[in-house]
């Protein structure tokens, strides 16, 4: 299992997923940042299932 964190920046109504290794463009933008979990499943046959993004419950309920 490959575990990769992504950071979600909320800029007004636009939501941007940013790799944990490449946050430079959004650093210091003065926006609320949230760490979410993204899960991508690939079957042994090579078929990919839909991407799943898991939001922290407190963040989802406050928006």
PDB file of N, CA and C in Angstrom:
ATOM      1  N   UNK A   1       0.852  -1.167   0.000  1.00  0.00           N
ATOM      2  CA  UNK A   1       0.000   0.000   0.000  1.00  0.00           C
ATOM      3  C   UNK A   1       0.897   1.229   0.000  1.00  0.00           C
ATOM      4  N   UNK A   2       0.659   2.116  -0.939  1.00  0.00           N
ATOM      5  CA  UNK A   2       1.389   3.373  -1.016  1.00  0.00           C
ATOM      6  C   UNK A   2       0.563   4.442  -0.310  1.00  0.00           C
ATOM      7  N   UNK A   3       1.135   5.086   0.685  1.00  0.00           N
ATOM      8  CA  UNK A   3       0.406   6.085   1.462  1.00  0.00           C
ATOM      9  C   UNK A   3       0.954   7.464   1.126  1.00  0.00           C
ATOM     10  N   UNK A   4       0.119   8.293   0.544  1.00  0.00           N
ATOM     11  CA  UNK A   4       0.521   9.636   0.163  1.00  0.00           C
ATOM     12  C   UNK A   4      -0.477  10.629   0.733  1.00  0.00           C
ATOM     13  N   UNK A   5       0.001  11.645   1.406  1.00  0.00           N
ATOM     14  CA  UNK A   5      -0.883  12.685   1.918  1.00  0.00           C
ATOM     15  C   UNK A   5      -1.046  13.766   0.870  1.00  0.00           C
ATOM     16  N   UNK A   6      -2.221  14.346   0.833  1.00  0.00           N
ATOM     17  CA  UNK A   6      -2.455  15.506  -0.015  1.00  0.00           C
ATOM     18  C   UNK A   6      -3.005  16.610   0.864  1.00  0.00           C
ATOM     19  N   UNK A   7      -2.757  17.837   0.474  1.00  0.00           N
ATOM     20  CA  UNK A   7      -3.258  18.969   1.237  1.00  0.00           C
ATOM     21  C   UNK A   7      -4.324  19.651   0.405  1.00  0.00           C
ATOM     22  N   UNK A   8      -5.447  19.962   1.005  1.00  0.00           N
ATOM     23  CA  UNK A   8      -6.536  20.623   0.312  1.00  0.00           C
ATOM     24  C   UNK A   8      -6.547  22.083   0.709  1.00  0.00           C
ATOM     25  N   UNK A   9      -6.435  22.964  -0.284  1.00  0.00           N
ATOM     26  CA  UNK A   9      -6.525  24.400  -0.027  1.00  0.00           C
ATOM     27  C   UNK A   9      -7.871  24.879  -0.542  1.00  0.00           C
ATOM     28  N   UNK A  10      -8.584  25.640   0.271  1.00  0.00           N
ATOM     29  CA  UNK A  10      -9.874  26.166  -0.145  1.00  0.00           C
ATOM     30  C   UNK A  10      -9.696  27.651  -0.434  1.00  0.00           C
ATOM     31  N   UNK A  11      -9.795  28.021  -1.690  1.00  0.00           N
ATOM     32  CA  UNK A  11      -9.640  29.407  -2.124  1.00  0.00           C
ATOM     33  C   UNK A  11     -11.009  29.900  -2.577  1.00  0.00           C
ATOM     34  N   UNK A  12     -11.785  30.466  -1.676  1.00  0.00           N
ATOM     35  CA  UNK A  12     -13.143  30.876  -2.020  1.00  0.00           C
ATOM     36  C   UNK A  12     -13.983  29.655  -2.311  1.00  0.00           C
ATOM     37  N   UNK A  13     -14.417  29.508  -3.564  1.00  0.00           N
ATOM     38  CA  UNK A  13     -15.232  28.348  -3.931  1.00  0.00           C
ATOM     39  C   UNK A  13     -14.421  27.296  -4.680  1.00  0.00           C
ATOM     40  N   UNK A  14     -13.133  27.529  -4.881  1.00  0.00           N
ATOM     41  CA  UNK A  14     -12.288  26.596  -5.620  1.00  0.00           C
ATOM     42  C   UNK A  14     -11.550  25.698  -4.635  1.00  0.00           C
ATOM     43  N   UNK A  15     -11.576  24.381  -4.876  1.00  0.00           N
ATOM     44  CA  UNK A  15     -10.856  23.436  -4.030  1.00  0.00           C
ATOM     45  C   UNK A  15      -9.706  22.854  -4.839  1.00  0.00           C
ATOM     46  N   UNK A  16      -8.503  22.876  -4.269  1.00  0.00           N
ATOM     47  CA  UNK A  16      -7.304  22.450  -4.975  1.00  0.00           C
ATOM     48  C   UNK A  16      -6.614  21.355  -4.179  1.00  0.00           C
ATOM     49  N   UNK A  17      -6.362  20.204  -4.813  1.00  0.00           N
ATOM     50  CA  UNK A  17      -5.579  19.145  -4.183  1.00  0.00           C
ATOM     51  C   UNK A  17      -4.125  19.344  -4.566  1.00  0.00           C
ATOM     52  N   UNK A  18      -3.250  19.368  -3.567  1.00  0.00           N
ATOM     53  CA  UNK A  18      -1.837  19.638  -3.783  1.00  0.00           C
ATOM     54  C   UNK A  18      -1.023  18.513  -3.168  1.00  0.00           C
ATOM     55  N   UNK A  19      -0.027  18.019  -3.885  1.00  0.00           N
ATOM     56  CA  UNK A  19       0.853  16.974  -3.367  1.00  0.00           C
ATOM     57  C   UNK A  19       1.604  17.486  -2.147  1.00  0.00           C
ATOM     58  N   UNK A  20       1.869  16.586  -1.189  1.00  0.00           N
ATOM     59  CA  UNK A  20       2.614  17.006   0.005  1.00  0.00           C
ATOM     60  C   UNK A  20       4.035  17.422  -0.338  1.00  0.00           C
ATOM     61  N   UNK A  21       4.548  17.003  -1.499  1.00  0.00           N
ATOM     62  CA  UNK A  21       5.908  17.340  -1.904  1.00  0.00           C
ATOM     63  C   UNK A  21       5.984  18.630  -2.714  1.00  0.00           C
ATOM     64  N   UNK A  22       4.831  19.181  -3.143  1.00  0.00           N
ATOM     65  CA  UNK A  22       4.837  20.361  -4.003  1.00  0.00           C
ATOM     66  C   UNK A  22       3.792  21.364  -3.525  1.00  0.00           C
ATOM     67  N   UNK A  23       3.981  21.927  -2.338  1.00  0.00           N
ATOM     68  CA  UNK A  23       3.025  22.877  -1.770  1.00  0.00           C
ATOM     69  C   UNK A  23       3.461  24.322  -1.966  1.00  0.00           C
ATOM     70  N   UNK A  24       4.557  24.549  -2.627  1.00  0.00           N
ATOM     71  CA  UNK A  24       5.158  25.875  -2.696  1.00  0.00           C
ATOM     72  C   UNK A  24       4.204  26.931  -3.265  1.00  0.00           C
ATOM     73  N   UNK A  25       3.425  26.608  -4.298  1.00  0.00           N
ATOM     74  CA  UNK A  25       2.553  27.594  -4.929  1.00  0.00           C
ATOM     75  C   UNK A  25       1.445  28.088  -4.004  1.00  0.00           C
ATOM     76  N   UNK A  26       1.045  27.275  -3.028  1.00  0.00           N
ATOM     77  CA  UNK A  26      -0.059  27.644  -2.150  1.00  0.00           C
ATOM     78  C   UNK A  26       0.389  27.978  -0.730  1.00  0.00           C
ATOM     79  N   UNK A  27       1.670  27.898  -0.468  1.00  0.00           N
ATOM     80  CA  UNK A  27       2.184  28.194   0.872  1.00  0.00           C
ATOM     81  C   UNK A  27       2.068  29.698   1.132  1.00  0.00           C
ATOM     82  N   UNK A  28       1.563  30.045   2.307  1.00  0.00           N
ATOM     83  CA  UNK A  28       1.454  31.452   2.671  1.00  0.00           C
ATOM     84  C   UNK A  28       0.321  32.187   1.982  1.00  0.00           C
ATOM     85  N   UNK A  29      -0.614  31.452   1.393  1.00  0.00           N
ATOM     86  CA  UNK A  29      -1.709  32.089   0.668  1.00  0.00           C
ATOM     87  C   UNK A  29      -2.781  32.631   1.607  1.00  0.00           C
ATOM     88  N   UNK A  30      -2.655  32.387   2.910  1.00  0.00           N
ATOM     89  CA  UNK A  30      -3.622  32.892   3.867  1.00  0.00           C
ATOM     90  C   UNK A  30      -4.968  32.204   3.779  1.00  0.00           C
ATOM     91  N   UNK A  31      -4.959  30.931   3.433  1.00  0.00           N
ATOM     92  CA  UNK A  31      -6.204  30.175   3.324  1.00  0.00           C
ATOM     93  C   UNK A  31      -6.210  29.043   4.335  1.00  0.00           C
ATOM     94  N   UNK A  32      -7.404  28.557   4.626  1.00  0.00           N
ATOM     95  CA  UNK A  32      -7.555  27.432   5.545  1.00  0.00           C
ATOM     96  C   UNK A  32      -7.111  26.157   4.827  1.00  0.00           C
ATOM     97  N   UNK A  33      -6.195  25.421   5.432  1.00  0.00           N
ATOM     98  CA  UNK A  33      -5.689  24.190   4.820  1.00  0.00           C
ATOM     99  C   UNK A  33      -6.161  22.992   5.622  1.00  0.00           C
ATOM    100  N   UNK A  34      -6.485  21.920   4.914  1.00  0.00           N
ATOM    101  CA  UNK A  34      -7.011  20.711   5.541  1.00  0.00           C
ATOM    102  C   UNK A  34      -6.278  19.511   4.953  1.00  0.00           C
ATOM    103  N   UNK A  35      -5.831  18.601   5.811  1.00  0.00           N
ATOM    104  CA  UNK A  35      -5.249  17.349   5.330  1.00  0.00           C
ATOM    105  C   UNK A  35      -6.390  16.356   5.141  1.00  0.00           C
ATOM    106  N   UNK A  36      -6.491  15.794   3.938  1.00  0.00           N
ATOM    107  CA  UNK A  36      -7.499  14.781   3.635  1.00  0.00           C
ATOM    108  C   UNK A  36      -6.787  13.504   3.225  1.00  0.00           C
ATOM    109  N   UNK A  37      -7.504  12.391   3.225  1.00  0.00           N
ATOM    110  CA  UNK A  37      -6.946  11.116   2.790  1.00  0.00           C
ATOM    111  C   UNK A  37      -7.525  10.776   1.424  1.00  0.00           C
ATOM    112  N   UNK A  38      -6.661  10.469   0.463  1.00  0.00           N
ATOM    113  CA  UNK A  38      -7.099  10.070  -0.874  1.00  0.00           C
ATOM    114  C   UNK A  38      -6.718   8.609  -1.087  1.00  0.00           C
ATOM    115  N   UNK A  39      -7.690   7.799  -1.524  1.00  0.00           N
ATOM    116  CA  UNK A  39      -7.456   6.370  -1.741  1.00  0.00           C
ATOM    117  C   UNK A  39      -7.721   6.046  -3.203  1.00  0.00           C
ATOM    118  N   UNK A  40      -6.749   5.458  -3.859  1.00  0.00           N
ATOM    119  CA  UNK A  40      -6.893   5.002  -5.244  1.00  0.00           C
ATOM    120  C   UNK A  40      -6.657   3.506  -5.251  1.00  0.00           C
ATOM    121  N   UNK A  41      -7.608   2.745  -5.755  1.00  0.00           N
ATOM    122  CA  UNK A  41      -7.511   1.282  -5.768  1.00  0.00           C
ATOM    123  C   UNK A  41      -7.276   0.787  -7.188  1.00  0.00           C
ATOM    124  N   UNK A  42      -6.282  -0.075  -7.345  1.00  0.00           N
ATOM    125  CA  UNK A  42      -5.993  -0.704  -8.628  1.00  0.00           C
ATOM    126  C   UNK A  42      -6.076  -2.211  -8.435  1.00  0.00           C
ATOM    127  N   UNK A  43      -6.921  -2.862  -9.234  1.00  0.00           N
ATOM    128  CA  UNK A  43      -7.078  -4.310  -9.142  1.00  0.00           C
ATOM    129  C   UNK A  43      -5.894  -5.012  -9.792  1.00  0.00           C
ATOM    130  N   UNK A  44      -5.713  -6.279  -9.489  1.00  0.00           N
ATOM    131  CA  UNK A  44      -4.621  -7.065 -10.080  1.00  0.00           C
ATOM    132  C   UNK A  44      -4.746  -7.115 -11.599  1.00  0.00           C
ATOM    133  N   UNK A  45      -5.962  -7.007 -12.116  1.00  0.00           N
ATOM    134  CA  UNK A  45      -6.191  -7.027 -13.565  1.00  0.00           C
ATOM    135  C   UNK A  45      -5.773  -5.716 -14.228  1.00  0.00           C
ATOM    136  N   UNK A  46      -5.470  -4.688 -13.419  1.00  0.00           N
ATOM    137  CA  UNK A  46      -5.072  -3.390 -13.954  1.00  0.00           C
ATOM    138  C   UNK A  46      -6.206  -2.380 -13.984  1.00  0.00           C
ATOM    139  N   UNK A  47      -7.428  -2.814 -13.689  1.00  0.00           N
ATOM    140  CA  UNK A  47      -8.576  -1.911 -13.677  1.00  0.00           C
ATOM    141  C   UNK A  47      -8.494  -1.008 -12.446  1.00  0.00           C
ATOM    142  N   UNK A  48      -8.771   0.284 -12.632  1.00  0.00           N
ATOM    143  CA  UNK A  48      -8.748   1.250 -11.530  1.00  0.00           C
ATOM    144  C   UNK A  48     -10.164   1.532 -11.052  1.00  0.00           C
ATOM    145  N   UNK A  49     -10.334   1.553  -9.745  1.00  0.00           N
ATOM    146  CA  UNK A  49     -11.612   1.945  -9.160  1.00  0.00           C
ATOM    147  C   UNK A  49     -11.613   3.459  -8.963  1.00  0.00           C
ATOM    148  N   UNK A  50     -12.776   4.016  -8.722  1.00  0.00           N
ATOM    149  CA  UNK A  50     -12.886   5.465  -8.540  1.00  0.00           C
ATOM    150  C   UNK A  50     -12.074   5.934  -7.336  1.00  0.00           C
ATOM    151  N   UNK A  51     -11.540   7.133  -7.443  1.00  0.00           N
ATOM    152  CA  UNK A  51     -10.794   7.760  -6.361  1.00  0.00           C
ATOM    153  C   UNK A  51     -11.736   8.059  -5.200  1.00  0.00           C
ATOM    154  N   UNK A  52     -11.292   7.797  -3.987  1.00  0.00           N
ATOM    155  CA  UNK A  52     -12.070   8.085  -2.787  1.00  0.00           C
ATOM    156  C   UNK A  52     -11.309   9.135  -1.986  1.00  0.00           C
ATOM    157  N   UNK A  53     -11.991  10.214  -1.622  1.00  0.00           N
ATOM    158  CA  UNK A  53     -11.386  11.247  -0.782  1.00  0.00           C
ATOM    159  C   UNK A  53     -12.126  11.258   0.546  1.00  0.00           C
ATOM    160  N   UNK A  54     -11.387  11.107   1.646  1.00  0.00           N
ATOM    161  CA  UNK A  54     -11.971  11.081   2.985  1.00  0.00           C
ATOM    162  C   UNK A  54     -11.665  12.410   3.668  1.00  0.00           C
ATOM    163  N   UNK A  55     -12.729  13.153   4.011  1.00  0.00           N
ATOM    164  CA  UNK A  55     -12.626  14.438   4.687  1.00  0.00           C
ATOM    165  C   UNK A  55     -12.693  14.227   6.191  1.00  0.00           C
ATOM    166  N   UNK A  56     -11.983  15.032   6.966  1.00  0.00           N
ATOM    167  CA  UNK A  56     -12.168  14.984   8.418  1.00  0.00           C
ATOM    168  C   UNK A  56     -13.618  15.364   8.749  1.00  0.00           C
ATOM    169  N   UNK A  57     -14.263  14.645   9.658  1.00  0.00           N
ATOM    170  CA  UNK A  57     -15.682  14.867   9.961  1.00  0.00           C
ATOM    171  C   UNK A  57     -15.954  16.290  10.436  1.00  0.00           C
ATOM    172  N   UNK A  58     -15.104  16.838  11.286  1.00  0.00           N
ATOM    173  CA  UNK A  58     -15.341  18.187  11.808  1.00  0.00           C
ATOM    174  C   UNK A  58     -15.275  19.236  10.703  1.00  0.00           C
ATOM    175  N   UNK A  59     -14.411  19.045   9.716  1.00  0.00           N
ATOM    176  CA  UNK A  59     -14.292  19.973   8.597  1.00  0.00           C
ATOM    177  C   UNK A  59     -15.532  19.918   7.722  1.00  0.00           C
ATOM    178  N   UNK A  60     -15.988  18.717   7.418  1.00  0.00           N
ATOM    179  CA  UNK A  60     -17.148  18.539   6.543  1.00  0.00           C
ATOM    180  C   UNK A  60     -18.390  19.144   7.184  1.00  0.00           C
ATOM    181  N   UNK A  61     -18.574  18.958   8.474  1.00  0.00           N
ATOM    182  CA  UNK A  61     -19.762  19.455   9.159  1.00  0.00           C
ATOM    183  C   UNK A  61     -19.747  20.969   9.310  1.00  0.00           C
ATOM    184  N   UNK A  62     -18.574  21.572   9.411  1.00  0.00           N
ATOM    185  CA  UNK A  62     -18.501  23.022   9.598  1.00  0.00           C
ATOM    186  C   UNK A  62     -18.734  23.787   8.309  1.00  0.00           C
ATOM    187  N   UNK A  63     -18.556  23.128   7.149  1.00  0.00           N
ATOM    188  CA  UNK A  63     -18.783  23.788   5.859  1.00  0.00           C
ATOM    189  C   UNK A  63     -20.174  23.491   5.432  1.00  0.00           C
TER     190      UNK A  63
END
